[in-house]
Amino acid sequence: MNTTYTLTNSFHNTSATVRPVAITEGRFAGMHKISRKTALRLRNELCGIEGCTCGGNFGERGGIVLDVANEDYDRNYIVDLSRNNA
């Protein structure tokens, strides 16, 4: 079951939802993936200002922070949900 997380940016007073996809095979089995396209959507929804450094990997600031453990070959984010603060 995939859980939906609501990320926020307290600087811009914005929020966006994401549902990380479970990885079942390979090197990152047991972790979750957030696609590069989804990460760009999140960043645009949470901040959207080019060059702004207000948030983290996904534009989040305050609230839930997803722990990025790695990136795969296609620059998708590999997140370890066991280490987030949700």
Protein backbone atom coordinates (compact mmCIF):
# COMPACT_ATOMS: atom_id res chain seq x y z
CA MET A 1 0.00 0.00 0.00
CA ASN A 2 1.35 3.39 -0.98
CA THR A 3 0.86 6.19 1.52
CA THR A 4 0.22 9.77 0.42
CA TYR A 5 2.33 12.48 2.05
CA THR A 6 1.56 16.19 2.06
CA LEU A 7 4.72 18.27 1.82
CA THR A 8 4.64 21.94 2.78
CA ASN A 9 6.73 25.03 2.29
CA SER A 10 6.30 27.39 5.24
CA PHE A 11 8.14 30.22 3.46
CA HIS A 12 5.71 30.38 0.52
CA ASN A 13 2.73 28.92 2.47
CA THR A 14 2.17 26.17 -0.12
CA SER A 15 1.52 22.42 -0.04
CA ALA A 16 1.64 19.47 -2.45
CA THR A 17 0.98 15.76 -2.18
CA VAL A 18 3.15 12.84 -3.25
CA ARG A 19 2.76 9.06 -3.16
CA PRO A 20 6.20 7.37 -3.23
CA VAL A 21 6.20 4.05 -5.11
CA ALA A 22 7.54 0.96 -3.33
CA ILE A 23 10.63 -0.66 -4.86
CA THR A 24 10.38 -4.45 -4.68
CA GLU A 25 13.46 -5.60 -6.61
CA GLY A 26 17.10 -4.79 -7.05
CA ARG A 27 19.57 -2.72 -5.12
CA PHE A 28 16.99 -0.39 -3.57
CA ALA A 29 14.40 -3.03 -2.61
CA GLY A 30 12.49 -1.99 0.49
CA MET A 31 12.83 1.70 -0.27
CA HIS A 32 10.53 3.95 -2.31
CA LYS A 33 10.91 5.97 -5.50
CA ILE A 34 9.78 9.45 -6.46
CA SER A 35 10.18 10.01 -10.18
CA ARG A 36 12.18 12.94 -11.52
CA LYS A 37 9.01 14.30 -13.16
CA THR A 38 7.09 14.15 -9.87
CA ALA A 39 9.99 15.80 -8.01
CA LEU A 40 9.95 18.68 -10.51
CA ARG A 41 6.17 19.02 -10.11
CA LEU A 42 6.52 19.13 -6.32
CA ARG A 43 9.28 21.74 -6.52
CA ASN A 44 7.16 23.86 -8.86
CA GLU A 45 4.05 23.60 -6.66
CA LEU A 46 5.90 24.27 -3.40
CA CYS A 47 8.17 27.09 -4.60
CA GLY A 48 8.17 27.68 -8.34
CA ILE A 49 10.66 30.53 -8.21
CA GLU A 50 13.77 29.83 -10.29
CA GLY A 51 16.95 30.11 -8.24
CA CYS A 52 15.12 30.20 -4.90
CA THR A 53 16.82 28.13 -2.19
CA CYS A 54 13.96 28.14 0.30
CA GLY A 55 13.44 24.38 0.46
CA GLY A 56 14.87 20.89 0.16
CA ASN A 57 15.03 18.43 -2.74
CA PHE A 58 11.32 18.70 -3.41
CA GLY A 59 10.86 22.36 -2.38
CA GLU A 60 9.69 21.37 1.10
CA ARG A 61 10.38 23.52 4.15
CA GLY A 62 9.03 22.61 7.56
CA GLY A 63 6.60 19.77 8.13
CA ILE A 64 7.32 16.37 6.59
CA VAL A 65 10.81 15.84 5.18
CA LEU A 66 11.41 12.74 3.04
CA ASP A 67 14.93 11.35 3.41
CA VAL A 68 16.60 11.02 0.00
CA ALA A 69 18.97 8.05 0.17
CA ASN A 70 20.12 8.05 -3.47
CA GLU A 71 19.21 8.66 -7.11
CA ASP A 72 18.88 5.99 -9.78
CA TYR A 73 20.21 6.05 -13.34
CA ASP A 74 17.26 8.11 -14.58
CA ARG A 75 17.66 10.68 -11.76
CA ASN A 76 14.60 9.43 -9.89
CA TYR A 77 14.87 9.96 -6.15
CA ILE A 78 15.20 6.93 -3.88
CA VAL A 79 13.69 7.74 -0.49
CA ASP A 80 13.98 5.81 2.76
CA LEU A 81 10.61 6.22 4.46
CA SER A 82 11.88 4.52 7.60
CA ARG A 83 14.12 7.55 8.18
CA ASN A 84 11.66 10.37 7.46
CA ASN A 85 10.02 12.53 10.10
CA ALA A 86 6.41 11.83 9.06
